[in-house]
């Protein structure tokens, strides 16, 4: 069974000011149990049919963090993740208030308003 997974890890790194920190989101792409490799590996789908992946790009946008006190923090930036560019698989969000966060969510793609602009 070939399923493409996007694994994400993140870390909080305080900036100079005590009231702000930066969050680093790191993405790793996996097909089944193997790390995604473009144009060099033949994977199989659920029907046993072979396929290869030559390009893998997507947008991430509308980041939403919720802290332990229930406060919502929104970051309306968009980022493109490109498997060909290692640097694009690490996103640094620099203007996050220091605190204890209980959840993060985001959109894969862009919302309709930004898509039209």
PDB file of N, CA and C in Angstrom:
ATOM      1  N   UNK A   1       0.842  -1.164   0.000  1.00  0.00           N
ATOM      2  CA  UNK A   1       0.000   0.000   0.000  1.00  0.00           C
ATOM      3  C   UNK A   1       0.890   1.231   0.000  1.00  0.00           C
ATOM      4  N   UNK A   2       0.731   2.096  -0.956  1.00  0.00           N
ATOM      5  CA  UNK A   2       1.553   3.291  -1.061  1.00  0.00           C
ATOM      6  C   UNK A   2       0.746   4.494  -0.609  1.00  0.00           C
ATOM      7  N   UNK A   3       1.103   5.010   0.519  1.00  0.00           N
ATOM      8  CA  UNK A   3       0.462   6.205   1.049  1.00  0.00           C
ATOM      9  C   UNK A   3       1.542   7.247   1.233  1.00  0.00           C
ATOM     10  N   UNK A   4       1.268   8.446   0.776  1.00  0.00           N
ATOM     11  CA  UNK A   4       2.220   9.533   0.932  1.00  0.00           C
ATOM     12  C   UNK A   4       1.917  10.248   2.233  1.00  0.00           C
ATOM     13  N   UNK A   5       2.885  10.279   3.109  1.00  0.00           N
ATOM     14  CA  UNK A   5       2.736  10.948   4.390  1.00  0.00           C
ATOM     15  C   UNK A   5       3.616  12.181   4.427  1.00  0.00           C
ATOM     16  N   UNK A   6       3.159  13.172   5.138  1.00  0.00           N
ATOM     17  CA  UNK A   6       3.975  14.343   5.415  1.00  0.00           C
ATOM     18  C   UNK A   6       4.153  14.382   6.918  1.00  0.00           C
ATOM     19  N   UNK A   7       5.351  14.119   7.366  1.00  0.00           N
ATOM     20  CA  UNK A   7       5.646  14.152   8.789  1.00  0.00           C
ATOM     21  C   UNK A   7       6.135  15.542   9.150  1.00  0.00           C
ATOM     22  N   UNK A   8       5.687  16.043  10.276  1.00  0.00           N
ATOM     23  CA  UNK A   8       6.058  17.389  10.682  1.00  0.00           C
ATOM     24  C   UNK A   8       6.598  17.344  12.097  1.00  0.00           C
ATOM     25  N   UNK A   9       7.663  18.061  12.326  1.00  0.00           N
ATOM     26  CA  UNK A   9       8.141  18.267  13.683  1.00  0.00           C
ATOM     27  C   UNK A   9       8.292  19.767  13.882  1.00  0.00           C
ATOM     28  N   UNK A  10       8.204  20.209  15.114  1.00  0.00           N
ATOM     29  CA  UNK A  10       8.401  21.630  15.333  1.00  0.00           C
ATOM     30  C   UNK A  10       9.106  21.862  16.645  1.00  0.00           C
ATOM     31  N   UNK A  11       9.776  23.001  16.718  1.00  0.00           N
ATOM     32  CA  UNK A  11      10.474  23.376  17.935  1.00  0.00           C
ATOM     33  C   UNK A  11      10.295  24.870  18.158  1.00  0.00           C
ATOM     34  N   UNK A  12      10.344  25.266  19.406  1.00  0.00           N
ATOM     35  CA  UNK A  12      10.237  26.666  19.783  1.00  0.00           C
ATOM     36  C   UNK A  12      11.622  27.155  20.164  1.00  0.00           C
ATOM     37  N   UNK A  13      12.028  28.266  19.583  1.00  0.00           N
ATOM     38  CA  UNK A  13      13.321  28.836  19.917  1.00  0.00           C
ATOM     39  C   UNK A  13      13.113  30.295  20.303  1.00  0.00           C
ATOM     40  N   UNK A  14      13.413  30.666  21.547  1.00  0.00           N
ATOM     41  CA  UNK A  14      13.235  32.062  21.958  1.00  0.00           C
ATOM     42  C   UNK A  14      14.125  32.998  21.152  1.00  0.00           C
ATOM     43  N   UNK A  15      13.564  34.136  20.790  1.00  0.00           N
ATOM     44  CA  UNK A  15      14.346  35.179  20.142  1.00  0.00           C
ATOM     45  C   UNK A  15      14.968  36.032  21.241  1.00  0.00           C
ATOM     46  N   UNK A  16      15.545  37.142  20.858  1.00  0.00           N
ATOM     47  CA  UNK A  16      16.190  38.031  21.823  1.00  0.00           C
ATOM     48  C   UNK A  16      15.205  38.557  22.859  1.00  0.00           C
ATOM     49  N   UNK A  17      14.034  39.028  22.391  1.00  0.00           N
ATOM     50  CA  UNK A  17      13.051  39.581  23.309  1.00  0.00           C
ATOM     51  C   UNK A  17      12.377  38.452  24.085  1.00  0.00           C
ATOM     52  N   UNK A  18      12.103  38.692  25.355  1.00  0.00           N
ATOM     53  CA  UNK A  18      11.511  37.663  26.197  1.00  0.00           C
ATOM     54  C   UNK A  18      10.042  37.421  25.869  1.00  0.00           C
ATOM     55  N   UNK A  19       9.394  38.322  25.135  1.00  0.00           N
ATOM     56  CA  UNK A  19       7.963  38.186  24.880  1.00  0.00           C
ATOM     57  C   UNK A  19       7.665  37.493  23.556  1.00  0.00           C
ATOM     58  N   UNK A  20       8.643  37.282  22.704  1.00  0.00           N
ATOM     59  CA  UNK A  20       8.429  36.626  21.416  1.00  0.00           C
ATOM     60  C   UNK A  20       9.367  35.437  21.259  1.00  0.00           C
ATOM     61  N   UNK A  21       8.959  34.505  20.426  1.00  0.00           N
ATOM     62  CA  UNK A  21       9.821  33.384  20.097  1.00  0.00           C
ATOM     63  C   UNK A  21       9.602  33.051  18.628  1.00  0.00           C
ATOM     64  N   UNK A  22      10.376  32.145  18.124  1.00  0.00           N
ATOM     65  CA  UNK A  22      10.159  31.673  16.762  1.00  0.00           C
ATOM     66  C   UNK A  22       9.869  30.187  16.810  1.00  0.00           C
ATOM     67  N   UNK A  23       9.033  29.756  15.885  1.00  0.00           N
ATOM     68  CA  UNK A  23       8.686  28.351  15.783  1.00  0.00           C
ATOM     69  C   UNK A  23       9.254  27.841  14.477  1.00  0.00           C
ATOM     70  N   UNK A  24       9.950  26.723  14.534  1.00  0.00           N
ATOM     71  CA  UNK A  24      10.514  26.102  13.339  1.00  0.00           C
ATOM     72  C   UNK A  24       9.722  24.834  13.049  1.00  0.00           C
ATOM     73  N   UNK A  25       9.098  24.791  11.876  1.00  0.00           N
ATOM     74  CA  UNK A  25       8.355  23.621  11.436  1.00  0.00           C
ATOM     75  C   UNK A  25       9.193  22.910  10.382  1.00  0.00           C
ATOM     76  N   UNK A  26       9.460  21.629  10.571  1.00  0.00           N
ATOM     77  CA  UNK A  26      10.267  20.844   9.647  1.00  0.00           C
ATOM     78  C   UNK A  26       9.406  19.737   9.056  1.00  0.00           C
ATOM     79  N   UNK A  27       9.445  19.579   7.737  1.00  0.00           N
ATOM     80  CA  UNK A  27       8.602  18.616   7.034  1.00  0.00           C
ATOM     81  C   UNK A  27       9.451  17.537   6.378  1.00  0.00           C
ATOM     82  N   UNK A  28       8.980  16.304   6.484  1.00  0.00           N
ATOM     83  CA  UNK A  28       9.635  15.149   5.867  1.00  0.00           C
ATOM     84  C   UNK A  28       8.559  14.381   5.109  1.00  0.00           C
ATOM     85  N   UNK A  29       8.815  14.023   3.866  1.00  0.00           N
ATOM     86  CA  UNK A  29       7.841  13.344   3.019  1.00  0.00           C
ATOM     87  C   UNK A  29       8.170  11.856   2.936  1.00  0.00           C
ATOM     88  N   UNK A  30       7.146  11.040   3.151  1.00  0.00           N
ATOM     89  CA  UNK A  30       7.319   9.592   3.213  1.00  0.00           C
ATOM     90  C   UNK A  30       6.246   8.931   2.356  1.00  0.00           C
ATOM     91  N   UNK A  31       6.625   7.918   1.599  1.00  0.00           N
ATOM     92  CA  UNK A  31       5.677   7.086   0.849  1.00  0.00           C
ATOM     93  C   UNK A  31       5.702   5.715   1.506  1.00  0.00           C
ATOM     94  N   UNK A  32       4.577   5.313   2.096  1.00  0.00           N
ATOM     95  CA  UNK A  32       4.564   4.064   2.848  1.00  0.00           C
ATOM     96  C   UNK A  32       5.530   4.169   4.011  1.00  0.00           C
ATOM     97  N   UNK A  33       6.577   3.370   3.987  1.00  0.00           N
ATOM     98  CA  UNK A  33       7.598   3.422   5.042  1.00  0.00           C
ATOM     99  C   UNK A  33       8.923   4.003   4.543  1.00  0.00           C
ATOM    100  N   UNK A  34       8.956   4.422   3.266  1.00  0.00           N
ATOM    101  CA  UNK A  34      10.195   4.919   2.663  1.00  0.00           C
ATOM    102  C   UNK A  34      10.176   6.443   2.538  1.00  0.00           C
ATOM    103  N   UNK A  35      11.344   7.036   2.718  1.00  0.00           N
ATOM    104  CA  UNK A  35      11.484   8.465   2.470  1.00  0.00           C
ATOM    105  C   UNK A  35      11.249   8.730   0.989  1.00  0.00           C
ATOM    106  N   UNK A  36      10.484   9.776   0.687  1.00  0.00           N
ATOM    107  CA  UNK A  36      10.186  10.124  -0.702  1.00  0.00           C
ATOM    108  C   UNK A  36      11.472  10.477  -1.447  1.00  0.00           C
ATOM    109  N   UNK A  37      11.655   9.863  -2.616  1.00  0.00           N
ATOM    110  CA  UNK A  37      12.786  10.176  -3.493  1.00  0.00           C
ATOM    111  C   UNK A  37      12.214  10.418  -4.883  1.00  0.00           C
ATOM    112  N   UNK A  38      12.508  11.583  -5.418  1.00  0.00           N
ATOM    113  CA  UNK A  38      11.984  11.961  -6.724  1.00  0.00           C
ATOM    114  C   UNK A  38      12.720  11.255  -7.851  1.00  0.00           C
ATOM    115  N   UNK A  39      11.962  10.781  -8.843  1.00  0.00           N
ATOM    116  CA  UNK A  39      12.486  10.215 -10.097  1.00  0.00           C
ATOM    117  C   UNK A  39      13.442   9.034  -9.948  1.00  0.00           C
ATOM    118  N   UNK A  40      13.591   8.482  -8.763  1.00  0.00           N
ATOM    119  CA  UNK A  40      14.579   7.417  -8.633  1.00  0.00           C
ATOM    120  C   UNK A  40      14.024   6.133  -8.011  1.00  0.00           C
ATOM    121  N   UNK A  41      12.844   6.188  -7.449  1.00  0.00           N
ATOM    122  CA  UNK A  41      12.264   5.010  -6.804  1.00  0.00           C
ATOM    123  C   UNK A  41      10.898   4.749  -7.420  1.00  0.00           C
ATOM    124  N   UNK A  42      10.611   3.493  -7.673  1.00  0.00           N
ATOM    125  CA  UNK A  42       9.287   3.105  -8.151  1.00  0.00           C
ATOM    126  C   UNK A  42       8.505   2.563  -6.962  1.00  0.00           C
ATOM    127  N   UNK A  43       7.389   3.219  -6.682  1.00  0.00           N
ATOM    128  CA  UNK A  43       6.511   2.810  -5.591  1.00  0.00           C
ATOM    129  C   UNK A  43       5.347   2.018  -6.179  1.00  0.00           C
ATOM    130  N   UNK A  44       4.567   1.362  -5.332  1.00  0.00           N
ATOM    131  CA  UNK A  44       3.378   0.644  -5.794  1.00  0.00           C
ATOM    132  C   UNK A  44       2.167   1.149  -5.026  1.00  0.00           C
ATOM    133  N   UNK A  45       1.045   1.328  -5.760  1.00  0.00           N
ATOM    134  CA  UNK A  45      -0.195   1.739  -5.113  1.00  0.00           C
ATOM    135  C   UNK A  45      -0.919   0.525  -4.546  1.00  0.00           C
ATOM    136  N   UNK A  46      -2.122   0.729  -4.019  1.00  0.00           N
ATOM    137  CA  UNK A  46      -2.878  -0.362  -3.393  1.00  0.00           C
ATOM    138  C   UNK A  46      -3.197  -1.499  -4.354  1.00  0.00           C
ATOM    139  N   UNK A  47      -3.240  -1.221  -5.650  1.00  0.00           N
ATOM    140  CA  UNK A  47      -3.535  -2.245  -6.651  1.00  0.00           C
ATOM    141  C   UNK A  47      -2.276  -2.914  -7.187  1.00  0.00           C
ATOM    142  N   UNK A  48      -1.118  -2.523  -6.630  1.00  0.00           N
ATOM    143  CA  UNK A  48       0.141  -3.104  -7.082  1.00  0.00           C
ATOM    144  C   UNK A  48       0.698  -2.447  -8.335  1.00  0.00           C
ATOM    145  N   UNK A  49       0.091  -1.349  -8.761  1.00  0.00           N
ATOM    146  CA  UNK A  49       0.551  -0.653  -9.964  1.00  0.00           C
ATOM    147  C   UNK A  49       1.733   0.244  -9.623  1.00  0.00           C
ATOM    148  N   UNK A  50       2.769   0.214 -10.441  1.00  0.00           N
ATOM    149  CA  UNK A  50       3.962   1.025 -10.165  1.00  0.00           C
ATOM    150  C   UNK A  50       3.752   2.503 -10.514  1.00  0.00           C
ATOM    151  N   UNK A  51       4.388   3.365  -9.745  1.00  0.00           N
ATOM    152  CA  UNK A  51       4.392   4.797 -10.061  1.00  0.00           C
ATOM    153  C   UNK A  51       5.662   5.420  -9.504  1.00  0.00           C
ATOM    154  N   UNK A  52       6.071   6.513 -10.128  1.00  0.00           N
ATOM    155  CA  UNK A  52       7.186   7.304  -9.626  1.00  0.00           C
ATOM    156  C   UNK A  52       6.683   8.731  -9.434  1.00  0.00           C
ATOM    157  N   UNK A  53       7.368   9.472  -8.610  1.00  0.00           N
ATOM    158  CA  UNK A  53       7.016  10.864  -8.348  1.00  0.00           C
ATOM    159  C   UNK A  53       8.160  11.717  -8.859  1.00  0.00           C
ATOM    160  N   UNK A  54       7.842  12.646  -9.766  1.00  0.00           N
ATOM    161  CA  UNK A  54       8.896  13.488 -10.332  1.00  0.00           C
ATOM    162  C   UNK A  54       8.897  14.896  -9.739  1.00  0.00           C
ATOM    163  N   UNK A  55       7.755  15.380  -9.281  1.00  0.00           N
ATOM    164  CA  UNK A  55       7.677  16.691  -8.632  1.00  0.00           C
ATOM    165  C   UNK A  55       6.732  16.573  -7.456  1.00  0.00           C
ATOM    166  N   UNK A  56       7.060  17.283  -6.380  1.00  0.00           N
ATOM    167  CA  UNK A  56       6.184  17.294  -5.218  1.00  0.00           C
ATOM    168  C   UNK A  56       6.304  18.664  -4.565  1.00  0.00           C
ATOM    169  N   UNK A  57       5.276  19.484  -4.765  1.00  0.00           N
ATOM    170  CA  UNK A  57       5.238  20.850  -4.237  1.00  0.00           C
ATOM    171  C   UNK A  57       3.840  21.116  -3.699  1.00  0.00           C
ATOM    172  N   UNK A  58       3.754  21.913  -2.653  1.00  0.00           N
ATOM    173  CA  UNK A  58       2.466  22.325  -2.121  1.00  0.00           C
ATOM    174  C   UNK A  58       2.640  23.580  -1.267  1.00  0.00           C
ATOM    175  N   UNK A  59       1.534  24.299  -1.081  1.00  0.00           N
ATOM    176  CA  UNK A  59       1.520  25.492  -0.251  1.00  0.00           C
ATOM    177  C   UNK A  59       0.987  25.156   1.132  1.00  0.00           C
ATOM    178  N   UNK A  60       1.490  25.858   2.132  1.00  0.00           N
ATOM    179  CA  UNK A  60       0.950  25.835   3.479  1.00  0.00           C
ATOM    180  C   UNK A  60       0.593  27.268   3.844  1.00  0.00           C
ATOM    181  N   UNK A  61      -0.548  27.455   4.477  1.00  0.00           N
ATOM    182  CA  UNK A  61      -0.980  28.805   4.823  1.00  0.00           C
ATOM    183  C   UNK A  61      -1.909  28.772   6.035  1.00  0.00           C
ATOM    184  N   UNK A  62      -2.294  29.958   6.471  1.00  0.00           N
ATOM    185  CA  UNK A  62      -3.277  30.167   7.541  1.00  0.00           C
ATOM    186  C   UNK A  62      -2.946  29.347   8.800  1.00  0.00           C
ATOM    187  N   UNK A  63      -1.792  29.598   9.355  1.00  0.00           N
ATOM    188  CA  UNK A  63      -1.382  28.903  10.567  1.00  0.00           C
ATOM    189  C   UNK A  63      -2.191  29.410  11.756  1.00  0.00           C
ATOM    190  N   UNK A  64      -2.615  28.489  12.590  1.00  0.00           N
ATOM    191  CA  UNK A  64      -3.436  28.810  13.754  1.00  0.00           C
ATOM    192  C   UNK A  64      -2.882  28.047  14.956  1.00  0.00           C
ATOM    193  N   UNK A  65      -2.470  28.796  15.958  1.00  0.00           N
ATOM    194  CA  UNK A  65      -1.955  28.208  17.191  1.00  0.00           C
ATOM    195  C   UNK A  65      -2.932  28.519  18.319  1.00  0.00           C
ATOM    196  N   UNK A  66      -3.091  27.581  19.238  1.00  0.00           N
ATOM    197  CA  UNK A  66      -3.913  27.802  20.422  1.00  0.00           C
ATOM    198  C   UNK A  66      -3.025  27.565  21.628  1.00  0.00           C
ATOM    199  N   UNK A  67      -3.014  28.567  22.537  1.00  0.00           N
ATOM    200  CA  UNK A  67      -2.179  28.387  23.713  1.00  0.00           C
ATOM    201  C   UNK A  67      -2.970  27.757  24.849  1.00  0.00           C
ATOM    202  N   UNK A  68      -2.275  27.432  25.934  1.00  0.00           N
ATOM    203  CA  UNK A  68      -2.894  26.716  27.052  1.00  0.00           C
ATOM    204  C   UNK A  68      -4.029  27.518  27.677  1.00  0.00           C
ATOM    205  N   UNK A  69      -3.995  28.830  27.559  1.00  0.00           N
ATOM    206  CA  UNK A  69      -5.059  29.682  28.095  1.00  0.00           C
ATOM    207  C   UNK A  69      -6.247  29.821  27.159  1.00  0.00           C
ATOM    208  N   UNK A  70      -6.194  29.156  25.993  1.00  0.00           N
ATOM    209  CA  UNK A  70      -7.299  29.211  25.042  1.00  0.00           C
ATOM    210  C   UNK A  70      -7.206  30.344  24.031  1.00  0.00           C
ATOM    211  N   UNK A  71      -6.131  31.135  24.090  1.00  0.00           N
ATOM    212  CA  UNK A  71      -5.977  32.255  23.161  1.00  0.00           C
ATOM    213  C   UNK A  71      -5.565  31.730  21.789  1.00  0.00           C
ATOM    214  N   UNK A  72      -6.180  32.286  20.749  1.00  0.00           N
ATOM    215  CA  UNK A  72      -5.866  31.914  19.370  1.00  0.00           C
ATOM    216  C   UNK A  72      -4.877  32.901  18.777  1.00  0.00           C
ATOM    217  N   UNK A  73      -3.892  32.369  18.074  1.00  0.00           N
ATOM    218  CA  UNK A  73      -2.910  33.194  17.371  1.00  0.00           C
ATOM    219  C   UNK A  73      -2.911  32.752  15.918  1.00  0.00           C
ATOM    220  N   UNK A  74      -3.112  33.709  15.014  1.00  0.00           N
ATOM    221  CA  UNK A  74      -3.191  33.413  13.589  1.00  0.00           C
ATOM    222  C   UNK A  74      -2.003  34.046  12.873  1.00  0.00           C
ATOM    223  N   UNK A  75      -1.426  33.299  11.948  1.00  0.00           N
ATOM    224  CA  UNK A  75      -0.352  33.812  11.099  1.00  0.00           C
ATOM    225  C   UNK A  75      -0.805  33.600   9.666  1.00  0.00           C
ATOM    226  N   UNK A  76      -1.024  34.682   8.961  1.00  0.00           N
ATOM    227  CA  UNK A  76      -1.586  34.609   7.613  1.00  0.00           C
ATOM    228  C   UNK A  76      -0.509  34.672   6.536  1.00  0.00           C
ATOM    229  N   UNK A  77       0.555  33.934   6.722  1.00  0.00           N
ATOM    230  CA  UNK A  77       1.607  33.830   5.713  1.00  0.00           C
ATOM    231  C   UNK A  77       1.413  32.544   4.926  1.00  0.00           C
ATOM    232  N   UNK A  78       1.945  32.527   3.722  1.00  0.00           N
ATOM    233  CA  UNK A  78       1.922  31.323   2.888  1.00  0.00           C
ATOM    234  C   UNK A  78       3.353  30.913   2.584  1.00  0.00           C
ATOM    235  N   UNK A  79       3.579  29.614   2.514  1.00  0.00           N
ATOM    236  CA  UNK A  79       4.897  29.064   2.227  1.00  0.00           C
ATOM    237  C   UNK A  79       4.745  27.954   1.204  1.00  0.00           C
ATOM    238  N   UNK A  80       5.713  27.830   0.316  1.00  0.00           N
ATOM    239  CA  UNK A  80       5.700  26.705  -0.625  1.00  0.00           C
ATOM    240  C   UNK A  80       6.739  25.688  -0.166  1.00  0.00           C
ATOM    241  N   UNK A  81       6.322  24.447  -0.117  1.00  0.00           N
ATOM    242  CA  UNK A  81       7.212  23.344   0.217  1.00  0.00           C
ATOM    243  C   UNK A  81       7.527  22.630  -1.095  1.00  0.00           C
ATOM    244  N   UNK A  82       8.806  22.448  -1.376  1.00  0.00           N
ATOM    245  CA  UNK A  82       9.239  21.828  -2.630  1.00  0.00           C
ATOM    246  C   UNK A  82      10.245  20.734  -2.284  1.00  0.00           C
ATOM    247  N   UNK A  83       9.914  19.498  -2.630  1.00  0.00           N
ATOM    248  CA  UNK A  83      10.794  18.369  -2.309  1.00  0.00           C
ATOM    249  C   UNK A  83      12.184  18.553  -2.918  1.00  0.00           C
ATOM    250  N   UNK A  84      12.289  19.269  -4.031  1.00  0.00           N
ATOM    251  CA  UNK A  84      13.586  19.523  -4.669  1.00  0.00           C
ATOM    252  C   UNK A  84      14.456  20.507  -3.893  1.00  0.00           C
ATOM    253  N   UNK A  85      13.865  21.295  -3.006  1.00  0.00           N
ATOM    254  CA  UNK A  85      14.614  22.327  -2.281  1.00  0.00           C
ATOM    255  C   UNK A  85      14.570  22.042  -0.785  1.00  0.00           C
ATOM    256  N   UNK A  86      15.668  21.532  -0.253  1.00  0.00           N
ATOM    257  CA  UNK A  86      15.709  21.166   1.166  1.00  0.00           C
ATOM    258  C   UNK A  86      15.356  22.334   2.079  1.00  0.00           C
ATOM    259  N   UNK A  87      15.811  23.534   1.732  1.00  0.00           N
ATOM    260  CA  UNK A  87      15.542  24.702   2.567  1.00  0.00           C
ATOM    261  C   UNK A  87      14.074  25.039   2.683  1.00  0.00           C
ATOM    262  N   UNK A  88      13.287  24.667   1.690  1.00  0.00           N
ATOM    263  CA  UNK A  88      11.852  24.983   1.735  1.00  0.00           C
ATOM    264  C   UNK A  88      11.102  24.082   2.708  1.00  0.00           C
ATOM    265  N   UNK A  89      11.707  22.984   3.134  1.00  0.00           N
ATOM    266  CA  UNK A  89      11.028  22.039   4.020  1.00  0.00           C
ATOM    267  C   UNK A  89      11.167  22.421   5.490  1.00  0.00           C
ATOM    268  N   UNK A  90      11.715  23.605   5.734  1.00  0.00           N
ATOM    269  CA  UNK A  90      11.791  24.132   7.085  1.00  0.00           C
ATOM    270  C   UNK A  90      11.215  25.552   7.067  1.00  0.00           C
ATOM    271  N   UNK A  91      10.153  25.746   7.812  1.00  0.00           N
ATOM    272  CA  UNK A  91       9.480  27.044   7.885  1.00  0.00           C
ATOM    273  C   UNK A  91       9.790  27.656   9.245  1.00  0.00           C
ATOM    274  N   UNK A  92      10.160  28.927   9.245  1.00  0.00           N
ATOM    275  CA  UNK A  92      10.424  29.630  10.504  1.00  0.00           C
ATOM    276  C   UNK A  92       9.372  30.718  10.662  1.00  0.00           C
ATOM    277  N   UNK A  93       8.574  30.589  11.702  1.00  0.00           N
ATOM    278  CA  UNK A  93       7.571  31.601  12.049  1.00  0.00           C
ATOM    279  C   UNK A  93       8.169  32.422  13.180  1.00  0.00           C
ATOM    280  N   UNK A  94       8.415  33.711  12.933  1.00  0.00           N
ATOM    281  CA  UNK A  94       9.243  34.508  13.836  1.00  0.00           C
ATOM    282  C   UNK A  94       8.483  35.365  14.842  1.00  0.00           C
ATOM    283  N   UNK A  95       7.210  35.543  14.690  1.00  0.00           N
ATOM    284  CA  UNK A  95       6.516  36.512  15.540  1.00  0.00           C
ATOM    285  C   UNK A  95       5.462  35.848  16.428  1.00  0.00           C
ATOM    286  N   UNK A  96       5.836  34.779  17.087  1.00  0.00           N
ATOM    287  CA  UNK A  96       4.922  34.058  17.962  1.00  0.00           C
ATOM    288  C   UNK A  96       5.171  34.500  19.400  1.00  0.00           C
ATOM    289  N   UNK A  97       4.082  34.828  20.100  1.00  0.00           N
ATOM    290  CA  UNK A  97       4.226  35.199  21.502  1.00  0.00           C
ATOM    291  C   UNK A  97       4.694  33.987  22.294  1.00  0.00           C
ATOM    292  N   UNK A  98       5.611  34.225  23.211  1.00  0.00           N
ATOM    293  CA  UNK A  98       6.108  33.144  24.047  1.00  0.00           C
ATOM    294  C   UNK A  98       4.960  32.566  24.861  1.00  0.00           C
ATOM    295  N   UNK A  99       4.926  31.250  25.012  1.00  0.00           N
ATOM    296  CA  UNK A  99       3.863  30.634  25.789  1.00  0.00           C
ATOM    297  C   UNK A  99       3.818  29.135  25.612  1.00  0.00           C
ATOM    298  N   UNK A 100       2.825  28.511  26.211  1.00  0.00           N
ATOM    299  CA  UNK A 100       2.615  27.078  26.127  1.00  0.00           C
ATOM    300  C   UNK A 100       1.476  26.827  25.152  1.00  0.00           C
ATOM    301  N   UNK A 101       1.774  26.219  23.996  1.00  0.00           N
ATOM    302  CA  UNK A 101       0.780  25.998  22.958  1.00  0.00           C
ATOM    303  C   UNK A 101       0.293  24.555  22.989  1.00  0.00           C
ATOM    304  N   UNK A 102      -1.015  24.393  22.829  1.00  0.00           N
ATOM    305  CA  UNK A 102      -1.607  23.065  22.907  1.00  0.00           C
ATOM    306  C   UNK A 102      -1.962  22.503  21.540  1.00  0.00           C
ATOM    307  N   UNK A 103      -2.065  23.350  20.514  1.00  0.00           N
ATOM    308  CA  UNK A 103      -2.393  22.835  19.181  1.00  0.00           C
ATOM    309  C   UNK A 103      -1.923  23.791  18.096  1.00  0.00           C
ATOM    310  N   UNK A 104      -1.734  23.218  16.923  1.00  0.00           N
ATOM    311  CA  UNK A 104      -1.412  23.995  15.731  1.00  0.00           C
ATOM    312  C   UNK A 104      -2.168  23.358  14.571  1.00  0.00           C
ATOM    313  N   UNK A 105      -2.736  24.188  13.717  1.00  0.00           N
ATOM    314  CA  UNK A 105      -3.306  23.680  12.471  1.00  0.00           C
ATOM    315  C   UNK A 105      -3.038  24.679  11.368  1.00  0.00           C
ATOM    316  N   UNK A 106      -3.178  24.212  10.142  1.00  0.00           N
ATOM    317  CA  UNK A 106      -2.887  25.039   8.983  1.00  0.00           C
ATOM    318  C   UNK A 106      -3.585  24.442   7.780  1.00  0.00           C
ATOM    319  N   UNK A 107      -3.606  25.209   6.703  1.00  0.00           N
ATOM    320  CA  UNK A 107      -4.223  24.752   5.459  1.00  0.00           C
ATOM    321  C   UNK A 107      -3.130  24.258   4.525  1.00  0.00           C
ATOM    322  N   UNK A 108      -3.361  23.106   3.912  1.00  0.00           N
ATOM    323  CA  UNK A 108      -2.496  22.669   2.824  1.00  0.00           C
ATOM    324  C   UNK A 108      -3.109  23.269   1.571  1.00  0.00           C
ATOM    325  N   UNK A 109      -2.414  24.220   0.984  1.00  0.00           N
ATOM    326  CA  UNK A 109      -2.946  25.028  -0.102  1.00  0.00           C
ATOM    327  C   UNK A 109      -3.134  26.439   0.404  1.00  0.00           C
ATOM    328  N   UNK A 110      -3.892  27.227  -0.306  1.00  0.00           N
ATOM    329  CA  UNK A 110      -4.220  28.587   0.107  1.00  0.00           C
ATOM    330  C   UNK A 110      -5.722  28.743   0.096  1.00  0.00           C
ATOM    331  N   UNK A 111      -6.223  29.672   0.922  1.00  0.00           N
ATOM    332  CA  UNK A 111      -7.659  29.867   0.945  1.00  0.00           C
ATOM    333  C   UNK A 111      -8.121  30.572  -0.332  1.00  0.00           C
ATOM    334  N   UNK A 112      -9.411  30.585  -0.580  1.00  0.00           N
ATOM    335  CA  UNK A 112      -9.947  31.096  -1.835  1.00  0.00           C
ATOM    336  C   UNK A 112      -9.638  32.574  -2.056  1.00  0.00           C
ATOM    337  N   UNK A 113      -9.593  33.364  -1.003  1.00  0.00           N
ATOM    338  CA  UNK A 113      -9.290  34.793  -1.144  1.00  0.00           C
ATOM    339  C   UNK A 113      -7.878  35.000  -1.673  1.00  0.00           C
ATOM    340  N   UNK A 114      -6.907  34.290  -1.088  1.00  0.00           N
ATOM    341  CA  UNK A 114      -5.516  34.421  -1.546  1.00  0.00           C
ATOM    342  C   UNK A 114      -5.304  33.751  -2.901  1.00  0.00           C
ATOM    343  N   UNK A 115      -6.050  32.701  -3.169  1.00  0.00           N
ATOM    344  CA  UNK A 115      -5.922  32.009  -4.453  1.00  0.00           C
ATOM    345  C   UNK A 115      -6.312  32.932  -5.598  1.00  0.00           C
ATOM    346  N   UNK A 116      -7.323  33.766  -5.389  1.00  0.00           N
ATOM    347  CA  UNK A 116      -7.776  34.687  -6.442  1.00  0.00           C
ATOM    348  C   UNK A 116      -6.862  35.889  -6.603  1.00  0.00           C
ATOM    349  N   UNK A 117      -6.058  36.186  -5.599  1.00  0.00           N
ATOM    350  CA  UNK A 117      -5.162  37.328  -5.708  1.00  0.00           C
ATOM    351  C   UNK A 117      -3.840  36.872  -6.255  1.00  0.00           C
TER     352      UNK A 117
END
